[in-house]
Amino acid sequence: MNDSGALLPWLVIRQDDNGNRYRVGRYATRAEAQKVVDSLGDRGHKQLYWVERIGQTATMN
């Protein structure tokens, strides 16, 4: 059995203006995922992006 969640446990999540959340990508390390978030922010994207580990859900206030 191949559980790709174990190989790529870090997610980049995007939330749009309506509160809808989408997975942007899966990454092997938190640092790799954070680079993607930083890159999207540097390009002026106005949506909210963050890093989550599979199995953990961020609570947005």
C-alpha atoms as a PDB file:
ATOM      1  CA  MET A   1       0.000   0.000   0.000  1.00  0.00           C
ATOM      2  CA  ASN A   2       1.350   3.414  -0.950  1.00  0.00           C
ATOM      3  CA  ASP A   3       0.287   6.251   1.360  1.00  0.00           C
ATOM      4  CA  SER A   4       1.504   9.389  -0.407  1.00  0.00           C
ATOM      5  CA  GLY A   5       0.395  11.426   2.643  1.00  0.00           C
ATOM      6  CA  ALA A   6       3.423  10.020   4.454  1.00  0.00           C
ATOM      7  CA  LEU A   7       5.729  11.173   1.658  1.00  0.00           C
ATOM      8  CA  LEU A   8       4.193  14.613   1.129  1.00  0.00           C
ATOM      9  CA  PRO A   9       2.670  15.565   4.477  1.00  0.00           C
ATOM     10  CA  TRP A  10       2.788  19.359   4.090  1.00  0.00           C
ATOM     11  CA  LEU A  11       0.007  21.246   2.304  1.00  0.00           C
ATOM     12  CA  VAL A  12      -0.251  24.791   1.027  1.00  0.00           C
ATOM     13  CA  ILE A  13      -3.831  25.984   1.458  1.00  0.00           C
ATOM     14  CA  ARG A  14      -5.467  29.032  -0.134  1.00  0.00           C
ATOM     15  CA  GLN A  15      -8.576  30.755   1.147  1.00  0.00           C
ATOM     16  CA  ASP A  16     -10.479  33.011  -1.231  1.00  0.00           C
ATOM     17  CA  ASP A  17     -12.596  36.071  -0.472  1.00  0.00           C
ATOM     18  CA  ASN A  18     -15.692  33.889   0.056  1.00  0.00           C
ATOM     19  CA  GLY A  19     -14.014  31.677   2.660  1.00  0.00           C
ATOM     20  CA  ASN A  20     -13.574  28.717   0.305  1.00  0.00           C
ATOM     21  CA  ARG A  21     -10.376  26.757   0.913  1.00  0.00           C
ATOM     22  CA  TYR A  22      -8.333  24.976  -1.755  1.00  0.00           C
ATOM     23  CA  ARG A  23      -5.237  22.816  -1.670  1.00  0.00           C
ATOM     24  CA  VAL A  24      -2.535  24.478  -3.771  1.00  0.00           C
ATOM     25  CA  GLY A  25       0.035  21.664  -3.438  1.00  0.00           C
ATOM     26  CA  ARG A  26       1.643  18.961  -1.301  1.00  0.00           C
ATOM     27  CA  TYR A  27       5.277  19.047  -0.211  1.00  0.00           C
ATOM     28  CA  ALA A  28       7.811  16.842   1.550  1.00  0.00           C
ATOM     29  CA  THR A  29       8.995  19.475   4.034  1.00  0.00           C
ATOM     30  CA  ARG A  30       7.480  22.416   5.838  1.00  0.00           C
ATOM     31  CA  ALA A  31      10.287  24.637   4.540  1.00  0.00           C
ATOM     32  CA  GLU A  32       9.454  23.736   0.941  1.00  0.00           C
ATOM     33  CA  ALA A  33       5.767  24.511   1.493  1.00  0.00           C
ATOM     34  CA  GLN A  34       6.606  27.794   3.219  1.00  0.00           C
ATOM     35  CA  LYS A  35       8.729  28.869   0.228  1.00  0.00           C
ATOM     36  CA  VAL A  36       5.652  28.463  -1.981  1.00  0.00           C
ATOM     37  CA  VAL A  37       3.526  30.536   0.421  1.00  0.00           C
ATOM     38  CA  ASP A  38       6.208  33.241   0.532  1.00  0.00           C
ATOM     39  CA  SER A  39       6.524  33.239  -3.252  1.00  0.00           C
ATOM     40  CA  LEU A  40       2.781  33.669  -3.747  1.00  0.00           C
ATOM     41  CA  GLY A  41       2.727  36.516  -1.231  1.00  0.00           C
ATOM     42  CA  ASP A  42       5.685  38.210  -2.936  1.00  0.00           C
ATOM     43  CA  ARG A  43       3.792  38.168  -6.244  1.00  0.00           C
ATOM     44  CA  GLY A  44       0.986  40.226  -4.749  1.00  0.00           C
ATOM     45  CA  HIS A  45      -1.679  37.523  -4.560  1.00  0.00           C
ATOM     46  CA  LYS A  46      -4.387  38.872  -2.298  1.00  0.00           C
ATOM     47  CA  GLN A  47      -5.771  35.551  -1.083  1.00  0.00           C
ATOM     48  CA  LEU A  48      -4.716  34.083   2.235  1.00  0.00           C
ATOM     49  CA  TYR A  49      -2.155  31.243   2.014  1.00  0.00           C
ATOM     50  CA  TRP A  50      -0.795  29.030   4.784  1.00  0.00           C
ATOM     51  CA  VAL A  51       0.957  25.734   5.493  1.00  0.00           C
ATOM     52  CA  GLU A  52      -0.767  22.762   7.161  1.00  0.00           C
ATOM     53  CA  ARG A  53       0.433  19.282   7.989  1.00  0.00           C
ATOM     54  CA  ILE A  54      -1.885  16.476   6.830  1.00  0.00           C
ATOM     55  CA  GLY A  55      -4.027  15.457   9.753  1.00  0.00           C
ATOM     56  CA  GLN A  56      -3.957  18.922  11.315  1.00  0.00           C
ATOM     57  CA  THR A  57      -6.500  21.561  10.450  1.00  0.00           C
ATOM     58  CA  ALA A  58      -5.782  25.231  11.006  1.00  0.00           C
ATOM     59  CA  THR A  59      -8.402  27.255  12.819  1.00  0.00           C
ATOM     60  CA  MET A  60      -8.876  30.617  11.174  1.00  0.00           C
ATOM     61  CA  ASN A  61     -10.402  33.370  13.335  1.00  0.00           C
END
